[in-house]
Amino acid sequence: MKYINAAEILPDQLLKELQRYVSGEVLYIPKASDKKEWGTANGSRLFYQKRNEEIKRLYKAGYSLDILVERYHLAYSTIRKIVYG
């Protein structure tokens, strides 16, 4: 990690404002993150949202939890969480 003197790179007004909170101590400023939410890059989030909506729709249409477990090859507790969640 490289240390840079804030007085050399920050505008005076910003430096004074920072000194109100931290003065003479080391302040870590993390990099800006361009990290995406889980599943948005490869489409898996959308896939599971559609699947779960279909499971809820089928349950409301009268399918039992046991049938949905067999149809989607998921655990009973997983189907129950999707349906009641």
N, C-alpha and C. Protein backbone atom coordinates (compact mmCIF):
# COMPACT_ATOMS: atom_id res chain seq x y z
N MET A 1 0.85 -1.16 0.00
CA MET A 1 0.00 0.00 0.00
C MET A 1 0.90 1.23 0.00
N LYS A 2 0.59 2.16 -0.86
CA LYS A 2 1.39 3.36 -1.02
C LYS A 2 0.75 4.52 -0.24
N TYR A 3 1.58 5.27 0.48
CA TYR A 3 1.09 6.41 1.23
C TYR A 3 1.31 7.68 0.42
N ILE A 4 0.31 8.53 0.40
CA ILE A 4 0.38 9.80 -0.31
C ILE A 4 -0.01 10.89 0.67
N ASN A 5 0.73 11.99 0.67
CA ASN A 5 0.41 13.12 1.53
C ASN A 5 -0.83 13.82 0.96
N ALA A 6 -1.88 13.87 1.76
CA ALA A 6 -3.14 14.45 1.31
C ALA A 6 -2.99 15.91 0.92
N ALA A 7 -2.10 16.62 1.57
CA ALA A 7 -1.88 18.05 1.27
C ALA A 7 -1.34 18.25 -0.14
N GLU A 8 -0.74 17.22 -0.68
CA GLU A 8 -0.17 17.33 -2.02
C GLU A 8 -1.21 17.08 -3.13
N ILE A 9 -2.28 16.38 -2.82
CA ILE A 9 -3.21 16.01 -3.89
C ILE A 9 -4.64 16.53 -3.71
N LEU A 10 -5.03 16.87 -2.48
CA LEU A 10 -6.41 17.29 -2.25
C LEU A 10 -6.55 18.82 -2.28
N PRO A 11 -7.69 19.31 -2.72
CA PRO A 11 -7.95 20.74 -2.64
C PRO A 11 -8.00 21.18 -1.17
N ASP A 12 -7.64 22.43 -0.91
CA ASP A 12 -7.56 22.94 0.47
C ASP A 12 -8.87 22.75 1.23
N GLN A 13 -9.99 23.04 0.59
CA GLN A 13 -11.28 22.93 1.26
C GLN A 13 -11.57 21.49 1.70
N LEU A 14 -11.28 20.55 0.84
CA LEU A 14 -11.49 19.14 1.17
C LEU A 14 -10.54 18.70 2.28
N LEU A 15 -9.31 19.12 2.21
CA LEU A 15 -8.32 18.77 3.23
C LEU A 15 -8.76 19.29 4.60
N LYS A 16 -9.23 20.52 4.66
CA LYS A 16 -9.70 21.09 5.93
C LYS A 16 -10.91 20.33 6.47
N GLU A 17 -11.80 19.95 5.58
CA GLU A 17 -12.97 19.19 6.01
C GLU A 17 -12.56 17.83 6.57
N LEU A 18 -11.63 17.15 5.92
CA LEU A 18 -11.15 15.86 6.44
C LEU A 18 -10.46 16.02 7.78
N GLN A 19 -9.73 17.11 7.95
CA GLN A 19 -9.01 17.34 9.21
C GLN A 19 -9.96 17.56 10.38
N ARG A 20 -11.20 17.90 10.11
CA ARG A 20 -12.20 18.01 11.18
C ARG A 20 -12.49 16.64 11.79
N TYR A 21 -12.32 15.59 11.01
CA TYR A 21 -12.63 14.24 11.46
C TYR A 21 -11.38 13.44 11.84
N VAL A 22 -10.32 13.60 11.06
CA VAL A 22 -9.08 12.85 11.28
C VAL A 22 -7.92 13.82 11.08
N SER A 23 -7.12 13.97 12.12
CA SER A 23 -5.99 14.90 12.00
C SER A 23 -4.71 14.22 12.48
N GLY A 24 -3.76 14.09 11.59
CA GLY A 24 -2.48 13.50 11.94
C GLY A 24 -2.48 11.98 12.03
N GLU A 25 -3.54 11.36 11.63
CA GLU A 25 -3.61 9.89 11.67
C GLU A 25 -3.66 9.35 10.25
N VAL A 26 -3.50 8.05 10.12
CA VAL A 26 -3.55 7.42 8.81
C VAL A 26 -5.01 7.13 8.48
N LEU A 27 -5.41 7.51 7.28
CA LEU A 27 -6.77 7.28 6.81
C LEU A 27 -6.70 6.41 5.58
N TYR A 28 -7.40 5.27 5.62
CA TYR A 28 -7.43 4.36 4.48
C TYR A 28 -8.65 4.68 3.63
N ILE A 29 -8.45 4.89 2.35
CA ILE A 29 -9.55 5.14 1.42
C ILE A 29 -9.57 3.98 0.43
N PRO A 30 -10.60 3.13 0.49
CA PRO A 30 -10.65 1.96 -0.40
C PRO A 30 -10.91 2.38 -1.84
N LYS A 31 -10.53 1.50 -2.75
CA LYS A 31 -10.80 1.74 -4.16
C LYS A 31 -12.29 1.75 -4.42
N ALA A 32 -12.70 2.51 -5.41
CA ALA A 32 -14.10 2.48 -5.83
C ALA A 32 -14.38 1.10 -6.40
N SER A 33 -15.51 0.54 -6.04
CA SER A 33 -15.83 -0.82 -6.47
C SER A 33 -16.80 -0.80 -7.63
N ASP A 34 -16.48 -1.61 -8.62
CA ASP A 34 -17.41 -1.78 -9.73
C ASP A 34 -17.98 -3.21 -9.71
N LYS A 35 -17.96 -3.79 -8.51
CA LYS A 35 -18.43 -5.15 -8.34
C LYS A 35 -19.94 -5.20 -8.55
N LYS A 36 -20.37 -6.18 -9.30
CA LYS A 36 -21.78 -6.36 -9.59
C LYS A 36 -22.42 -7.28 -8.56
N GLU A 37 -23.73 -7.20 -8.44
CA GLU A 37 -24.43 -8.10 -7.53
C GLU A 37 -24.34 -9.53 -8.03
N TRP A 38 -24.55 -10.47 -7.11
CA TRP A 38 -24.46 -11.88 -7.44
C TRP A 38 -25.41 -12.22 -8.58
N GLY A 39 -24.88 -12.91 -9.58
CA GLY A 39 -25.69 -13.46 -10.65
C GLY A 39 -26.10 -12.50 -11.75
N THR A 40 -25.73 -11.23 -11.66
CA THR A 40 -26.15 -10.30 -12.70
C THR A 40 -25.28 -10.40 -13.95
N ALA A 41 -24.03 -10.77 -13.79
CA ALA A 41 -23.13 -10.83 -14.93
C ALA A 41 -23.43 -12.01 -15.86
N ASN A 42 -23.81 -13.14 -15.29
CA ASN A 42 -24.02 -14.33 -16.13
C ASN A 42 -25.48 -14.73 -16.28
N GLY A 43 -26.40 -13.98 -15.69
CA GLY A 43 -27.81 -14.25 -15.86
C GLY A 43 -28.41 -15.26 -14.91
N SER A 44 -27.61 -15.78 -13.98
CA SER A 44 -28.15 -16.80 -13.08
C SER A 44 -29.19 -16.22 -12.12
N ARG A 45 -29.04 -14.96 -11.73
CA ARG A 45 -30.03 -14.34 -10.85
C ARG A 45 -31.40 -14.34 -11.52
N LEU A 46 -31.45 -13.95 -12.78
CA LEU A 46 -32.71 -13.91 -13.53
C LEU A 46 -33.28 -15.32 -13.69
N PHE A 47 -32.41 -16.29 -13.96
CA PHE A 47 -32.85 -17.67 -14.11
C PHE A 47 -33.57 -18.16 -12.85
N TYR A 48 -32.94 -17.94 -11.67
CA TYR A 48 -33.53 -18.41 -10.43
C TYR A 48 -34.78 -17.63 -10.04
N GLN A 49 -34.83 -16.35 -10.37
CA GLN A 49 -36.04 -15.58 -10.11
C GLN A 49 -37.22 -16.11 -10.92
N LYS A 50 -36.98 -16.41 -12.19
CA LYS A 50 -38.03 -16.97 -13.04
C LYS A 50 -38.46 -18.34 -12.55
N ARG A 51 -37.48 -19.17 -12.19
CA ARG A 51 -37.80 -20.51 -11.69
C ARG A 51 -38.65 -20.43 -10.42
N ASN A 52 -38.27 -19.55 -9.50
CA ASN A 52 -39.00 -19.43 -8.25
C ASN A 52 -40.41 -18.89 -8.48
N GLU A 53 -40.56 -17.96 -9.41
CA GLU A 53 -41.89 -17.45 -9.72
C GLU A 53 -42.77 -18.56 -10.31
N GLU A 54 -42.17 -19.41 -11.13
CA GLU A 54 -42.91 -20.52 -11.70
C GLU A 54 -43.34 -21.51 -10.62
N ILE A 55 -42.44 -21.78 -9.67
CA ILE A 55 -42.77 -22.67 -8.56
C ILE A 55 -43.95 -22.09 -7.76
N LYS A 56 -43.91 -20.80 -7.47
CA LYS A 56 -45.01 -20.16 -6.72
C LYS A 56 -46.32 -20.24 -7.51
N ARG A 57 -46.23 -20.01 -8.81
CA ARG A 57 -47.43 -20.05 -9.66
C ARG A 57 -48.04 -21.45 -9.66
N LEU A 58 -47.19 -22.46 -9.80
CA LEU A 58 -47.69 -23.84 -9.81
C LEU A 58 -48.30 -24.22 -8.46
N TYR A 59 -47.68 -23.77 -7.38
CA TYR A 59 -48.22 -24.07 -6.06
C TYR A 59 -49.61 -23.45 -5.90
N LYS A 60 -49.75 -22.20 -6.35
CA LYS A 60 -51.06 -21.53 -6.27
C LYS A 60 -52.09 -22.21 -7.18
N ALA A 61 -51.61 -22.85 -8.24
CA ALA A 61 -52.50 -23.56 -9.16
C ALA A 61 -52.92 -24.93 -8.62
N GLY A 62 -52.37 -25.34 -7.47
CA GLY A 62 -52.80 -26.58 -6.86
C GLY A 62 -51.77 -27.68 -6.79
N TYR A 63 -50.58 -27.47 -7.31
CA TYR A 63 -49.54 -28.50 -7.21
C TYR A 63 -49.09 -28.63 -5.76
N SER A 64 -48.88 -29.85 -5.31
CA SER A 64 -48.42 -30.07 -3.93
C SER A 64 -46.92 -29.83 -3.84
N LEU A 65 -46.46 -29.63 -2.61
CA LEU A 65 -45.02 -29.45 -2.39
C LEU A 65 -44.25 -30.69 -2.84
N ASP A 66 -44.80 -31.86 -2.61
CA ASP A 66 -44.12 -33.11 -3.00
C ASP A 66 -43.92 -33.19 -4.51
N ILE A 67 -44.92 -32.78 -5.26
CA ILE A 67 -44.81 -32.81 -6.72
C ILE A 67 -43.76 -31.81 -7.19
N LEU A 68 -43.74 -30.63 -6.56
CA LEU A 68 -42.75 -29.60 -6.93
C LEU A 68 -41.33 -30.05 -6.59
N VAL A 69 -41.18 -30.78 -5.48
CA VAL A 69 -39.86 -31.33 -5.10
C VAL A 69 -39.36 -32.27 -6.19
N GLU A 70 -40.22 -33.16 -6.66
CA GLU A 70 -39.83 -34.11 -7.69
C GLU A 70 -39.57 -33.41 -9.03
N ARG A 71 -40.41 -32.44 -9.35
CA ARG A 71 -40.30 -31.77 -10.64
C ARG A 71 -39.02 -30.93 -10.76
N TYR A 72 -38.64 -30.24 -9.68
CA TYR A 72 -37.49 -29.33 -9.73
C TYR A 72 -36.24 -29.91 -9.08
N HIS A 73 -36.34 -31.11 -8.52
CA HIS A 73 -35.19 -31.77 -7.90
C HIS A 73 -34.55 -30.89 -6.82
N LEU A 74 -35.40 -30.30 -6.00
CA LEU A 74 -34.94 -29.48 -4.89
C LEU A 74 -35.40 -30.12 -3.58
N ALA A 75 -34.75 -29.73 -2.50
CA ALA A 75 -35.14 -30.24 -1.19
C ALA A 75 -36.52 -29.70 -0.81
N TYR A 76 -37.22 -30.48 -0.01
CA TYR A 76 -38.55 -30.08 0.44
C TYR A 76 -38.49 -28.72 1.13
N SER A 77 -37.47 -28.52 1.98
CA SER A 77 -37.34 -27.26 2.71
C SER A 77 -37.09 -26.09 1.76
N THR A 78 -36.39 -26.33 0.67
CA THR A 78 -36.12 -25.27 -0.31
C THR A 78 -37.41 -24.86 -1.02
N ILE A 79 -38.19 -25.85 -1.43
CA ILE A 79 -39.46 -25.56 -2.08
C ILE A 79 -40.37 -24.80 -1.13
N ARG A 80 -40.40 -25.23 0.12
CA ARG A 80 -41.23 -24.57 1.11
C ARG A 80 -40.82 -23.11 1.32
N LYS A 81 -39.51 -22.86 1.35
CA LYS A 81 -39.02 -21.48 1.49
C LYS A 81 -39.43 -20.63 0.30
N ILE A 82 -39.36 -21.19 -0.87
CA ILE A 82 -39.73 -20.45 -2.10
C ILE A 82 -41.23 -20.13 -2.07
N VAL A 83 -42.03 -21.12 -1.73
CA VAL A 83 -43.49 -20.96 -1.77
C VAL A 83 -43.98 -20.00 -0.68
N TYR A 84 -43.46 -20.15 0.52
CA TYR A 84 -43.96 -19.35 1.65
C TYR A 84 -43.14 -18.09 1.90
N GLY A 85 -42.02 -17.94 1.23
CA GLY A 85 -41.13 -16.82 1.48
C GLY A 85 -41.51 -15.54 0.81
